[in-house]
């Protein structure tokens, strides 16, 4: 970055509230709170055989930019026990909740026993958080009989209640994988049941307030209290359809990177992320792997931060568009374009080459299978997903075919519909082999495509085995050594908090046989 552009970037950071000057923070060992400082709940994440991440953020006034905490540094005590009454405490300590990180706390206890549940709580001053449940992962050389998890995405606050989480909690998953759009920066859609406070976020204070609003939802809090989470982001945690350093609205690059820095910092402050993922300005490495003994490994990806800009956009400033493939957009086929970036592509390829687990889950944001939107001859595709990066998708699927990791299964979200697919290196060749299975989950609340559109897509894309766009929900997965079971779950409504949930369809992936089969 040139010196001129660097000065512009630093000015933009200051405008985004990243480096505001203020009085030196003082440690307050006897804080007094006007309301519950644990209003945003507690959470855990990223289970390891010997520990996990524990999180909270002090916010007695969650709708205030500073959470009602002012400039004090506050010591926060934490405890982990082997029982839900917290009688058998096996680890404890203290961490500082500081204003520069929104008074958030990220604790990474070590030395715990593998493959078992634990309970934890925080306290600050005279206040104490709820007691929540978490767990450690099995030992790396263990052979667990089962892994049960749920994956979810896209929870636009205004468009519905988070009742799906009640059903996820009742399923008793080992962990929850959230695959993007935890918050929304924009207001859109119809039939809102509640409203965002404030306008679209641009500054650190804006993003903190938006995250805090979402975190106050009781069903979302309960899901965080029930088990550890692993998370990745998509676009709405920053700005719709952004690609690396390019926003959709034409904001100058330096200003957008400052906005991204503010969004990434607020994201870290509100998620149970390990310290190694703490952002450095507009950079934040969140892709990682999570092992569940020898049974399964999750390769958790980031397809936003490093992607090439969308091409052939029909909007002047950028963003996704629907185009007629090569006829309208020859640039789509450019092999230099990547959705993951070269470094992450190489990291994933190496991970697949060295995979020793019985099942390999590639957890990412969106639908990987080709979705041709044009009946008959020709192809019409949406450029903001994998269809906008066909050479990069082909590289990944060729890598899977060549590396042959055991039982590759891709999971995703983003498109607000349930999809089940065979993954093939060449979707246009009926003889191209099936190399992996895909389950793309519908949204928690965000409104989706019409079922008429989905039915037309199923008829046009024979590798798509199931589709449903008119229902909100999640996907429940159970993995055993010889079989993966996926239940596509759907809410009757998201207009009320207590709506029932049912299973629309069940699919099975057999050990050693790529491609999902209807159960």
Protein backbone atom coordinates (compact mmCIF):
# COMPACT_ATOMS: atom_id res chain seq x y z
CA UNK A 1 0.00 0.00 0.00
CA UNK A 2 1.41 3.40 -0.94
CA UNK A 3 2.05 5.95 1.81
CA UNK A 4 -0.87 8.04 0.55
CA UNK A 5 -3.23 5.08 0.56
CA UNK A 6 -1.95 4.01 3.97
CA UNK A 7 -2.77 7.44 5.39
CA UNK A 8 -6.23 7.18 3.82
CA UNK A 9 -6.66 3.73 5.36
CA UNK A 10 -5.62 4.92 8.82
CA UNK A 11 -8.01 7.87 8.58
CA UNK A 12 -10.76 5.46 7.58
CA UNK A 13 -9.91 3.22 10.55
CA UNK A 14 -10.27 6.18 12.87
CA UNK A 15 -13.59 7.08 11.24
CA UNK A 16 -14.73 3.50 11.79
CA UNK A 17 -14.01 3.81 15.50
CA UNK A 18 -11.07 1.42 15.45
CA UNK A 19 -8.47 3.68 17.04
CA UNK A 20 -10.40 6.31 18.93
CA UNK A 21 -8.37 8.21 21.50
CA UNK A 22 -9.52 8.06 25.09
CA UNK A 23 -8.46 8.05 28.70
CA UNK A 24 -6.23 5.23 29.86
CA UNK A 25 -8.37 2.31 31.07
CA UNK A 26 -8.23 1.49 34.78
CA UNK A 27 -8.73 -1.92 36.39
CA UNK A 28 -11.91 -2.02 38.46
CA UNK A 29 -11.72 -4.96 40.86
CA UNK A 30 -15.08 -4.19 42.49
CA UNK A 31 -17.42 -3.34 39.63
CA UNK A 32 -21.05 -2.50 40.28
CA UNK A 33 -23.53 -3.12 37.48
CA UNK A 34 -26.87 -1.41 36.93
CA UNK A 35 -28.17 -4.60 35.23
CA UNK A 36 -27.04 -8.14 34.43
CA UNK A 37 -23.60 -7.85 32.78
CA UNK A 38 -24.11 -11.30 31.20
CA UNK A 39 -27.08 -10.16 29.13
CA UNK A 40 -25.52 -11.62 25.97
CA UNK A 41 -25.13 -15.05 27.51
CA UNK A 42 -22.08 -17.28 27.38
CA UNK A 43 -20.74 -19.64 24.74
CA UNK A 44 -18.10 -22.24 24.01
CA UNK A 45 -16.47 -23.43 20.82
CA UNK A 46 -13.73 -25.29 18.99
CA UNK A 47 -13.55 -28.42 21.16
CA UNK A 48 -10.17 -30.11 21.50
CA UNK A 49 -9.32 -33.32 23.37
CA UNK A 50 -7.88 -31.24 26.23
CA UNK A 51 -10.07 -28.13 26.20
CA UNK A 52 -12.14 -25.64 24.25
CA UNK A 53 -12.79 -21.89 24.02
CA UNK A 54 -15.08 -20.24 26.58
CA UNK A 55 -16.61 -16.84 25.76
CA UNK A 56 -18.66 -14.06 27.22
CA UNK A 57 -18.98 -10.30 26.81
CA UNK A 58 -19.92 -7.97 29.65
CA UNK A 59 -22.84 -5.79 28.52
CA UNK A 60 -25.27 -4.58 31.20
CA UNK A 61 -26.70 -2.22 28.54
CA UNK A 62 -26.52 -4.31 25.35
CA UNK A 63 -28.14 -1.61 23.19
CA UNK A 64 -25.39 0.89 24.07
CA UNK A 65 -22.30 1.19 21.88
CA UNK A 66 -20.01 0.31 24.82
CA UNK A 67 -22.43 -2.22 26.33
CA UNK A 68 -22.81 0.11 29.30
CA UNK A 69 -19.30 -0.71 30.52
CA UNK A 70 -17.43 2.55 30.01
CA UNK A 71 -13.61 2.48 29.97
CA UNK A 72 -12.88 0.22 32.96
CA UNK A 73 -10.99 -3.06 32.68
CA UNK A 74 -12.94 -5.65 34.67
CA UNK A 75 -11.55 -8.97 35.96
CA UNK A 76 -13.83 -11.89 35.02
CA UNK A 77 -13.57 -15.20 36.83
CA UNK A 78 -14.30 -18.52 35.11
CA UNK A 79 -14.86 -22.04 36.37
CA UNK A 80 -15.25 -25.46 34.72
CA UNK A 81 -16.83 -28.42 36.49
CA UNK A 82 -17.64 -32.04 35.77
CA UNK A 83 -21.24 -31.62 36.97
CA UNK A 84 -24.06 -29.24 36.14
CA UNK A 85 -24.30 -28.01 39.75
CA UNK A 86 -20.66 -26.83 39.62
CA UNK A 87 -19.72 -28.84 42.72
CA UNK A 88 -16.69 -30.56 41.15
CA UNK A 89 -14.68 -27.64 39.75
CA UNK A 90 -11.65 -28.95 37.85
CA UNK A 91 -10.31 -25.72 36.31
CA UNK A 92 -10.66 -22.02 37.06
CA UNK A 93 -8.97 -18.70 36.51
CA UNK A 94 -9.41 -15.04 35.72
CA UNK A 95 -9.29 -12.98 32.54
CA UNK A 96 -9.56 -9.26 31.87
CA UNK A 97 -12.52 -7.78 30.02
CA UNK A 98 -11.02 -4.70 28.36
CA UNK A 99 -12.76 -1.86 26.49
CA UNK A 100 -10.62 -2.16 23.36
CA UNK A 101 -12.14 -5.63 22.77
CA UNK A 102 -15.67 -4.65 23.74
CA UNK A 103 -15.24 -6.19 27.24
CA UNK A 104 -15.29 -9.64 25.65
CA UNK A 105 -13.49 -12.59 27.21
CA UNK A 106 -11.99 -15.58 25.40
CA UNK A 107 -10.61 -18.30 27.67
CA UNK A 108 -8.85 -21.47 26.49
CA UNK A 109 -8.57 -23.91 29.39
CA UNK A 110 -6.28 -26.90 28.96
CA UNK A 111 -5.67 -30.20 30.75
CA UNK A 112 -9.26 -31.48 30.61
CA UNK A 113 -10.18 -35.09 29.92
CA UNK A 114 -11.05 -35.96 26.31
CA UNK A 115 -14.46 -36.96 25.03
CA UNK A 116 -16.67 -35.87 27.90
CA UNK A 117 -19.12 -33.09 28.89
CA UNK A 118 -18.23 -30.18 31.15
CA UNK A 119 -20.14 -27.26 32.64
CA UNK A 120 -18.86 -23.71 33.07
CA UNK A 121 -19.79 -20.24 34.27
CA UNK A 122 -18.36 -16.74 34.57
CA UNK A 123 -18.60 -14.14 37.33
CA UNK A 124 -17.72 -10.45 37.59
CA UNK A 125 -18.11 -8.43 40.77
CA UNK A 126 -21.21 -9.83 42.47
CA UNK A 127 -22.78 -10.98 39.19
CA UNK A 128 -22.74 -14.54 37.94
CA UNK A 129 -23.61 -15.96 34.54
CA UNK A 130 -25.85 -18.89 33.81
CA UNK A 131 -24.26 -22.35 33.96
CA UNK A 132 -23.74 -23.72 30.45
CA UNK A 133 -22.71 -27.05 29.00
CA UNK A 134 -19.77 -27.78 26.72
CA UNK A 135 -17.59 -30.78 25.90
CA UNK A 136 -14.13 -31.84 24.84
CA UNK A 137 -13.45 -33.72 21.61
CA UNK A 138 -12.39 -37.37 21.73
CA UNK A 139 -8.68 -38.14 21.86
CA UNK A 140 -7.06 -37.95 18.43
CA UNK A 141 -6.45 -41.71 18.37
CA UNK A 142 -9.90 -42.59 19.76
CA UNK A 143 -12.53 -44.37 17.69
CA UNK A 144 -15.84 -42.84 18.82
CA UNK A 145 -18.96 -44.76 17.86
CA UNK A 146 -20.86 -41.63 16.84
CA UNK A 147 -20.75 -37.93 16.10
CA UNK A 148 -24.00 -35.97 16.11
CA UNK A 149 -24.07 -32.33 15.04
CA UNK A 150 -26.35 -29.73 13.48
CA UNK A 151 -25.45 -27.11 10.92
CA UNK A 152 -27.26 -23.85 10.31
CA UNK A 153 -26.89 -20.49 8.55
CA UNK A 154 -28.60 -17.23 7.60
CA UNK A 155 -30.55 -15.87 10.57
CA UNK A 156 -31.95 -12.51 9.47
CA UNK A 157 -33.27 -11.12 12.76
CA UNK A 158 -36.23 -9.23 11.34
CA UNK A 159 -37.66 -12.05 9.23
CA UNK A 160 -38.37 -14.56 11.96
CA UNK A 161 -37.82 -15.98 15.40
CA UNK A 162 -35.05 -18.44 16.15
CA UNK A 163 -37.32 -21.29 17.22
CA UNK A 164 -35.25 -23.75 15.17
CA UNK A 165 -32.63 -23.60 17.91
CA UNK A 166 -35.07 -25.07 20.42
CA UNK A 167 -35.28 -28.15 18.24
CA UNK A 168 -31.52 -28.25 17.71
CA UNK A 169 -31.01 -28.20 21.48
CA UNK A 170 -33.54 -31.03 21.87
CA UNK A 171 -31.49 -33.07 19.37
CA UNK A 172 -28.56 -32.96 21.85
CA UNK A 173 -25.78 -32.38 19.28
CA UNK A 174 -22.11 -32.72 20.13
CA UNK A 175 -21.57 -29.36 18.44
CA UNK A 176 -23.26 -26.85 16.15
CA UNK A 177 -21.59 -25.66 12.93
CA UNK A 178 -22.75 -22.20 11.87
CA UNK A 179 -21.92 -21.53 8.22
CA UNK A 180 -22.40 -17.83 7.72
CA UNK A 181 -24.67 -14.79 7.99
CA UNK A 182 -24.86 -14.82 11.80
CA UNK A 183 -25.92 -11.18 11.59
CA UNK A 184 -27.28 -9.12 8.69
CA UNK A 185 -26.03 -5.64 7.98
CA UNK A 186 -29.12 -4.77 5.95
CA UNK A 187 -32.88 -4.70 6.40
CA UNK A 188 -34.81 -6.50 3.67
CA UNK A 189 -37.62 -8.98 3.09
CA UNK A 190 -41.29 -9.00 3.96
CA UNK A 191 -43.54 -9.71 6.96
CA UNK A 192 -41.02 -8.67 9.59
CA UNK A 193 -41.70 -9.91 13.13
CA UNK A 194 -39.18 -7.53 14.77
CA UNK A 195 -36.80 -4.78 13.73
CA UNK A 196 -33.11 -3.96 13.69
CA UNK A 197 -32.12 -1.02 15.85
CA UNK A 198 -30.21 1.64 13.97
CA UNK A 199 -29.31 1.75 10.31
CA UNK A 200 -26.75 -0.24 8.34
CA UNK A 201 -23.51 -0.68 10.35
CA UNK A 202 -20.25 0.91 9.21
CA UNK A 203 -18.30 1.55 12.42
CA UNK A 204 -17.08 -0.71 15.19
CA UNK A 205 -19.77 0.62 17.51
CA UNK A 206 -22.41 -0.08 14.85
CA UNK A 207 -21.32 -3.69 14.42
CA UNK A 208 -21.05 -4.22 18.18
CA UNK A 209 -24.62 -3.01 18.61
CA UNK A 210 -25.90 -5.23 15.80
CA UNK A 211 -24.18 -8.34 17.19
CA UNK A 212 -25.48 -7.54 20.67
CA UNK A 213 -29.04 -7.27 19.35
CA UNK A 214 -28.83 -10.73 17.79
CA UNK A 215 -27.14 -12.16 20.88
CA UNK A 216 -30.04 -11.10 23.13
CA UNK A 217 -32.36 -13.62 21.46
CA UNK A 218 -33.18 -16.26 24.12
CA UNK A 219 -33.30 -19.24 21.74
CA UNK A 220 -29.93 -18.34 20.21
CA UNK A 221 -28.46 -17.98 23.69
CA UNK A 222 -29.88 -21.36 24.72
CA UNK A 223 -28.22 -23.03 21.73
CA UNK A 224 -24.88 -21.51 22.71
CA UNK A 225 -25.45 -22.73 26.28
CA UNK A 226 -26.14 -26.30 25.14
CA UNK A 227 -22.92 -27.26 23.32
CA UNK A 228 -19.81 -25.85 21.64
CA UNK A 229 -20.01 -24.13 18.26
CA UNK A 230 -17.67 -23.85 15.31
CA UNK A 231 -18.31 -20.89 13.01
CA UNK A 232 -17.45 -19.29 9.72
CA UNK A 233 -18.78 -16.12 8.15
CA UNK A 234 -20.30 -15.24 4.81
CA UNK A 235 -20.98 -11.78 3.39
CA UNK A 236 -23.61 -10.21 5.67
CA UNK A 237 -21.30 -10.11 8.68
CA UNK A 238 -19.69 -7.25 6.71
CA UNK A 239 -21.55 -6.27 3.51
CA UNK A 240 -23.73 -8.11 1.00
CA UNK A 241 -21.79 -9.87 -1.79
CA UNK A 242 -18.43 -8.41 -0.84
CA UNK A 243 -15.42 -10.10 -2.41
CA UNK A 244 -12.07 -9.62 -0.67
CA UNK A 245 -11.56 -5.83 -0.75
CA UNK A 246 -14.48 -5.02 -3.07
CA UNK A 247 -17.89 -4.07 -1.65
CA UNK A 248 -21.10 -4.01 -3.63
CA UNK A 249 -21.81 -0.30 -3.17
CA UNK A 250 -18.72 1.36 -4.68
CA UNK A 251 -17.15 2.47 -1.40
CA UNK A 252 -13.45 3.34 -1.92
CA UNK A 253 -11.12 0.45 -1.12
CA UNK A 254 -9.44 2.01 1.93
CA UNK A 255 -12.79 2.94 3.48
CA UNK A 256 -14.19 -0.52 2.83
CA UNK A 257 -11.15 -2.22 4.38
CA UNK A 258 -11.66 -0.04 7.46
CA UNK A 259 -15.30 -1.11 7.54
CA UNK A 260 -14.20 -4.75 7.16
CA UNK A 261 -11.72 -4.30 10.01
CA UNK A 262 -14.51 -3.00 12.25
CA UNK A 263 -16.81 -5.88 11.26
CA UNK A 264 -14.11 -8.51 11.81
CA UNK A 265 -13.23 -7.09 15.21
CA UNK A 266 -16.86 -7.12 16.33
CA UNK A 267 -17.23 -10.66 14.99
CA UNK A 268 -14.29 -11.82 17.10
CA UNK A 269 -15.66 -9.99 20.15
CA UNK A 270 -18.97 -11.90 19.91
CA UNK A 271 -17.88 -15.43 18.98
CA UNK A 272 -16.19 -18.24 20.94
CA UNK A 273 -13.08 -18.05 18.76
CA UNK A 274 -9.55 -19.04 19.81
CA UNK A 275 -6.95 -16.31 20.36
CA UNK A 276 -5.07 -17.34 17.22
CA UNK A 277 -8.02 -15.98 15.21
CA UNK A 278 -7.90 -12.51 16.76
CA UNK A 279 -8.05 -10.04 13.85
CA UNK A 280 -5.18 -7.82 12.76
CA UNK A 281 -6.92 -4.86 11.18
CA UNK A 282 -8.80 -6.09 8.13
CA UNK A 283 -7.14 -9.53 8.22
CA UNK A 284 -8.48 -12.47 10.24
CA UNK A 285 -7.58 -16.10 9.54
CA UNK A 286 -10.54 -18.27 10.53
CA UNK A 287 -10.17 -21.37 8.35
CA UNK A 288 -9.13 -24.36 10.42
CA UNK A 289 -9.64 -28.08 11.10
CA UNK A 290 -11.50 -29.81 13.92
CA UNK A 291 -10.95 -33.52 14.59
CA UNK A 292 -13.43 -35.91 16.21
CA UNK A 293 -11.04 -38.73 17.02
CA UNK A 294 -10.40 -40.99 14.05
CA UNK A 295 -14.08 -40.88 13.10
CA UNK A 296 -14.30 -37.48 11.39
CA UNK A 297 -12.44 -34.32 10.54
CA UNK A 298 -14.02 -30.98 9.68
CA UNK A 299 -12.20 -28.70 7.22
CA UNK A 300 -13.80 -25.32 8.01
CA UNK A 301 -13.34 -22.80 5.17
CA UNK A 302 -13.55 -19.04 4.52
CA UNK A 303 -14.82 -18.21 1.02
CA UNK A 304 -15.15 -14.42 1.45
CA UNK A 305 -11.90 -12.88 2.64
CA UNK A 306 -9.63 -14.15 -0.14
CA UNK A 307 -11.91 -14.57 -3.16
CA UNK A 308 -11.36 -12.99 -6.55
CA UNK A 309 -13.78 -10.20 -7.39
CA UNK A 310 -17.03 -11.24 -9.05
CA UNK A 311 -16.88 -10.78 -12.83
CA UNK A 312 -19.47 -9.60 -15.34
CA UNK A 313 -21.45 -7.88 -12.61
CA UNK A 314 -24.59 -6.16 -13.83
CA UNK A 315 -24.25 -3.70 -10.98
CA UNK A 316 -21.78 -0.85 -11.54
CA UNK A 317 -19.96 -1.32 -8.23
CA UNK A 318 -19.69 -5.13 -8.12
CA UNK A 319 -21.52 -8.00 -6.47
CA UNK A 320 -23.25 -11.11 -7.77
CA UNK A 321 -25.30 -11.32 -10.96
CA UNK A 322 -27.10 -13.93 -13.02
CA UNK A 323 -25.30 -14.42 -16.34
CA UNK A 324 -25.43 -16.79 -19.30
CA UNK A 325 -22.19 -18.61 -18.56
CA UNK A 326 -19.56 -18.48 -21.34
CA UNK A 327 -21.84 -16.74 -23.84
CA UNK A 328 -22.17 -13.66 -21.67
CA UNK A 329 -19.18 -13.94 -19.35
CA UNK A 330 -16.07 -15.64 -20.73
CA UNK A 331 -14.11 -14.40 -17.69
CA UNK A 332 -15.89 -16.98 -15.51
CA UNK A 333 -13.62 -19.69 -16.91
CA UNK A 334 -10.36 -17.90 -16.00
CA UNK A 335 -8.31 -20.52 -14.11
CA UNK A 336 -6.55 -17.81 -12.11
CA UNK A 337 -9.76 -16.93 -10.28
CA UNK A 338 -10.26 -18.51 -6.86
CA UNK A 339 -13.04 -18.56 -4.29
CA UNK A 340 -10.72 -19.56 -1.45
CA UNK A 341 -7.47 -17.88 -2.46
CA UNK A 342 -4.27 -19.71 -3.38
CA UNK A 343 -3.01 -20.19 0.18
CA UNK A 344 -6.28 -21.67 1.46
CA UNK A 345 -6.63 -23.87 -1.64
CA UNK A 346 -3.15 -25.31 -0.98
CA UNK A 347 -3.96 -25.77 2.73
CA UNK A 348 -7.15 -27.67 1.89
CA UNK A 349 -5.44 -29.79 -0.74
CA UNK A 350 -2.72 -30.75 1.76
CA UNK A 351 -5.34 -31.57 4.37
CA UNK A 352 -7.23 -33.83 2.00
CA UNK A 353 -3.99 -35.51 0.91
CA UNK A 354 -3.03 -36.30 4.49
CA UNK A 355 -6.50 -37.15 5.78
CA UNK A 356 -6.64 -40.23 8.00
CA UNK A 357 -10.13 -39.89 9.47
CA UNK A 358 -13.04 -42.09 8.41
CA UNK A 359 -15.13 -39.09 7.24
CA UNK A 360 -13.96 -35.75 5.83
CA UNK A 361 -16.43 -32.87 6.13
CA UNK A 362 -15.77 -29.74 4.09
CA UNK A 363 -17.75 -27.04 5.89
CA UNK A 364 -18.15 -23.88 3.84
CA UNK A 365 -20.68 -21.19 3.13
CA UNK A 366 -22.72 -21.97 0.06
CA UNK A 367 -23.98 -24.49 -2.53
CA UNK A 368 -21.04 -26.13 -4.30
CA UNK A 369 -22.97 -28.11 -6.94
CA UNK A 370 -23.69 -26.41 -10.24
CA UNK A 371 -27.12 -24.77 -10.36
CA UNK A 372 -28.08 -24.09 -13.96
CA UNK A 373 -31.02 -21.70 -13.88
CA UNK A 374 -31.85 -21.88 -17.59
CA UNK A 375 -34.08 -24.67 -18.95
CA UNK A 376 -32.79 -26.40 -22.06
CA UNK A 377 -29.65 -25.42 -23.95
CA UNK A 378 -27.09 -23.11 -22.41
CA UNK A 379 -26.40 -22.28 -18.78
CA UNK A 380 -27.48 -19.39 -16.61
CA UNK A 381 -25.64 -19.14 -13.28
CA UNK A 382 -25.31 -16.89 -10.23
CA UNK A 383 -21.80 -15.45 -9.98
CA UNK A 384 -21.52 -14.90 -6.22
CA UNK A 385 -21.28 -18.63 -5.41
CA UNK A 386 -19.19 -21.55 -6.68
CA UNK A 387 -20.87 -21.20 -10.10
CA UNK A 388 -19.00 -17.91 -10.41
CA UNK A 389 -15.68 -19.72 -9.88
CA UNK A 390 -16.01 -22.93 -11.94
CA UNK A 391 -12.27 -23.47 -12.44
CA UNK A 392 -11.65 -23.25 -8.69
CA UNK A 393 -14.49 -25.72 -8.05
CA UNK A 394 -13.06 -28.08 -10.67
CA UNK A 395 -9.63 -27.89 -8.98
CA UNK A 396 -11.16 -28.84 -5.63
CA UNK A 397 -13.25 -31.71 -7.00
CA UNK A 398 -10.29 -32.97 -9.06
CA UNK A 399 -8.23 -32.83 -5.86
CA UNK A 400 -10.83 -34.93 -4.06
CA UNK A 401 -10.86 -37.41 -6.94
CA UNK A 402 -7.05 -37.61 -6.95
CA UNK A 403 -6.35 -37.48 -3.20
CA UNK A 404 -9.22 -39.85 -2.41
CA UNK A 405 -9.80 -38.84 1.22
CA UNK A 406 -12.24 -41.16 2.95
CA UNK A 407 -15.90 -40.21 2.58
CA UNK A 408 -15.76 -36.53 1.54
CA UNK A 409 -19.00 -34.68 2.38
CA UNK A 410 -19.53 -30.96 1.68
CA UNK A 411 -21.92 -28.95 3.86
CA UNK A 412 -23.06 -25.38 3.20
CA UNK A 413 -25.74 -22.71 3.53
CA UNK A 414 -26.22 -19.20 2.08
CA UNK A 415 -28.90 -19.96 -0.55
CA UNK A 416 -31.86 -20.27 1.89
CA UNK A 417 -32.93 -23.68 0.60
CA UNK A 418 -32.30 -27.34 1.31
CA UNK A 419 -30.30 -28.98 -1.48
CA UNK A 420 -28.84 -32.49 -1.69
CA UNK A 421 -26.39 -33.25 -4.49
CA UNK A 422 -23.86 -35.54 -6.11
CA UNK A 423 -20.59 -33.66 -6.59
CA UNK A 424 -18.77 -34.33 -9.87
CA UNK A 425 -15.71 -32.73 -11.48
CA UNK A 426 -17.75 -32.05 -14.64
CA UNK A 427 -21.45 -31.43 -14.03
CA UNK A 428 -22.13 -31.19 -17.78
CA UNK A 429 -20.82 -34.70 -18.44
CA UNK A 430 -23.30 -37.42 -17.42
CA UNK A 431 -20.39 -39.89 -17.25
CA UNK A 432 -18.30 -37.77 -14.88
CA UNK A 433 -17.86 -39.78 -11.65
CA UNK A 434 -19.46 -38.82 -8.36
CA UNK A 435 -16.56 -37.97 -6.03
CA UNK A 436 -18.34 -36.47 -3.00
CA UNK A 437 -21.72 -35.82 -1.40
CA UNK A 438 -23.26 -32.45 -0.63
CA UNK A 439 -25.87 -31.24 1.86
CA UNK A 440 -26.73 -27.55 1.67
CA UNK A 441 -29.01 -26.40 4.47
CA UNK A 442 -31.85 -23.92 4.39
CA UNK A 443 -31.81 -20.76 6.50
CA UNK A 444 -32.76 -20.33 10.15
CA UNK A 445 -35.05 -17.40 9.19
CA UNK A 446 -33.93 -15.72 5.96
CA UNK A 447 -36.51 -15.87 3.20
CA UNK A 448 -35.77 -18.26 0.34
CA UNK A 449 -36.59 -19.02 -3.29
CA UNK A 450 -40.00 -20.19 -4.45
CA UNK A 451 -40.63 -23.91 -4.69
CA UNK A 452 -41.50 -23.36 -8.35
CA UNK A 453 -37.93 -22.17 -8.94
CA UNK A 454 -36.54 -25.13 -6.99
CA UNK A 455 -38.59 -27.67 -8.96
CA UNK A 456 -37.41 -26.18 -12.25
CA UNK A 457 -33.80 -26.37 -11.05
CA UNK A 458 -34.20 -30.02 -10.06
CA UNK A 459 -35.48 -30.84 -13.53
CA UNK A 460 -32.55 -29.05 -15.18
CA UNK A 461 -29.76 -30.34 -12.89
CA UNK A 462 -29.83 -34.16 -12.60
CA UNK A 463 -27.03 -34.19 -10.00
CA UNK A 464 -29.38 -32.36 -7.60
CA UNK A 465 -31.30 -35.08 -5.75
CA UNK A 466 -33.52 -32.92 -3.55
CA UNK A 467 -34.50 -29.29 -3.14
CA UNK A 468 -36.86 -27.31 -0.92
CA UNK A 469 -36.88 -23.52 -0.74
CA UNK A 470 -40.11 -22.58 1.00
CA UNK A 471 -39.22 -23.79 4.52
CA UNK A 472 -36.76 -22.55 7.11
CA UNK A 473 -34.77 -24.85 9.38
CA UNK A 474 -31.46 -26.69 9.68
CA UNK A 475 -29.76 -30.03 8.99
CA UNK A 476 -29.19 -32.72 11.62
CA UNK A 477 -26.29 -35.09 10.94
CA UNK A 478 -25.23 -38.30 12.62
CA UNK A 479 -21.99 -40.00 11.61
CA UNK A 480 -21.06 -43.59 12.46
CA UNK A 481 -18.09 -45.52 11.08
CA UNK A 482 -20.08 -47.07 8.25
CA UNK A 483 -22.77 -44.48 7.57
CA UNK A 484 -23.72 -40.81 7.61
CA UNK A 485 -27.37 -39.89 8.15
CA UNK A 486 -28.67 -36.41 7.30
CA UNK A 487 -32.15 -35.19 8.26
CA UNK A 488 -33.41 -32.05 6.53
CA UNK A 489 -35.37 -30.27 9.24
CA UNK A 490 -38.02 -27.61 8.63
CA UNK A 491 -40.01 -25.24 10.80
CA UNK A 492 -43.76 -24.97 10.31
CA UNK A 493 -43.31 -21.21 10.68
CA UNK A 494 -40.78 -18.65 11.87
CA UNK A 495 -43.50 -16.10 12.62
CA UNK A 496 -43.96 -17.51 16.13
CA UNK A 497 -41.39 -18.63 18.68
CA UNK A 498 -42.85 -22.05 19.47
CA UNK A 499 -43.64 -23.51 16.04
CA UNK A 500 -43.17 -27.25 15.53
CA UNK A 501 -40.37 -28.70 13.43
CA UNK A 502 -40.46 -31.78 11.20
CA UNK A 503 -38.14 -33.80 9.00
CA UNK A 504 -38.75 -33.18 5.29
CA UNK A 505 -36.41 -35.86 4.01
CA UNK A 506 -33.69 -38.24 5.17
CA UNK A 507 -30.56 -39.16 3.26
CA UNK A 508 -27.78 -41.65 3.85
CA UNK A 509 -24.17 -41.73 2.67
CA UNK A 510 -22.62 -45.17 2.91
CA UNK A 511 -18.97 -45.66 3.83
CA UNK A 512 -16.89 -45.86 0.65
CA UNK A 513 -19.78 -44.92 -1.66
CA UNK A 514 -19.88 -41.23 -2.61
CA UNK A 515 -23.28 -39.76 -3.29
CA UNK A 516 -26.27 -39.37 -0.95
CA UNK A 517 -29.11 -41.91 -1.15
CA UNK A 518 -32.70 -41.31 -0.05
CA UNK A 519 -33.31 -43.11 3.24
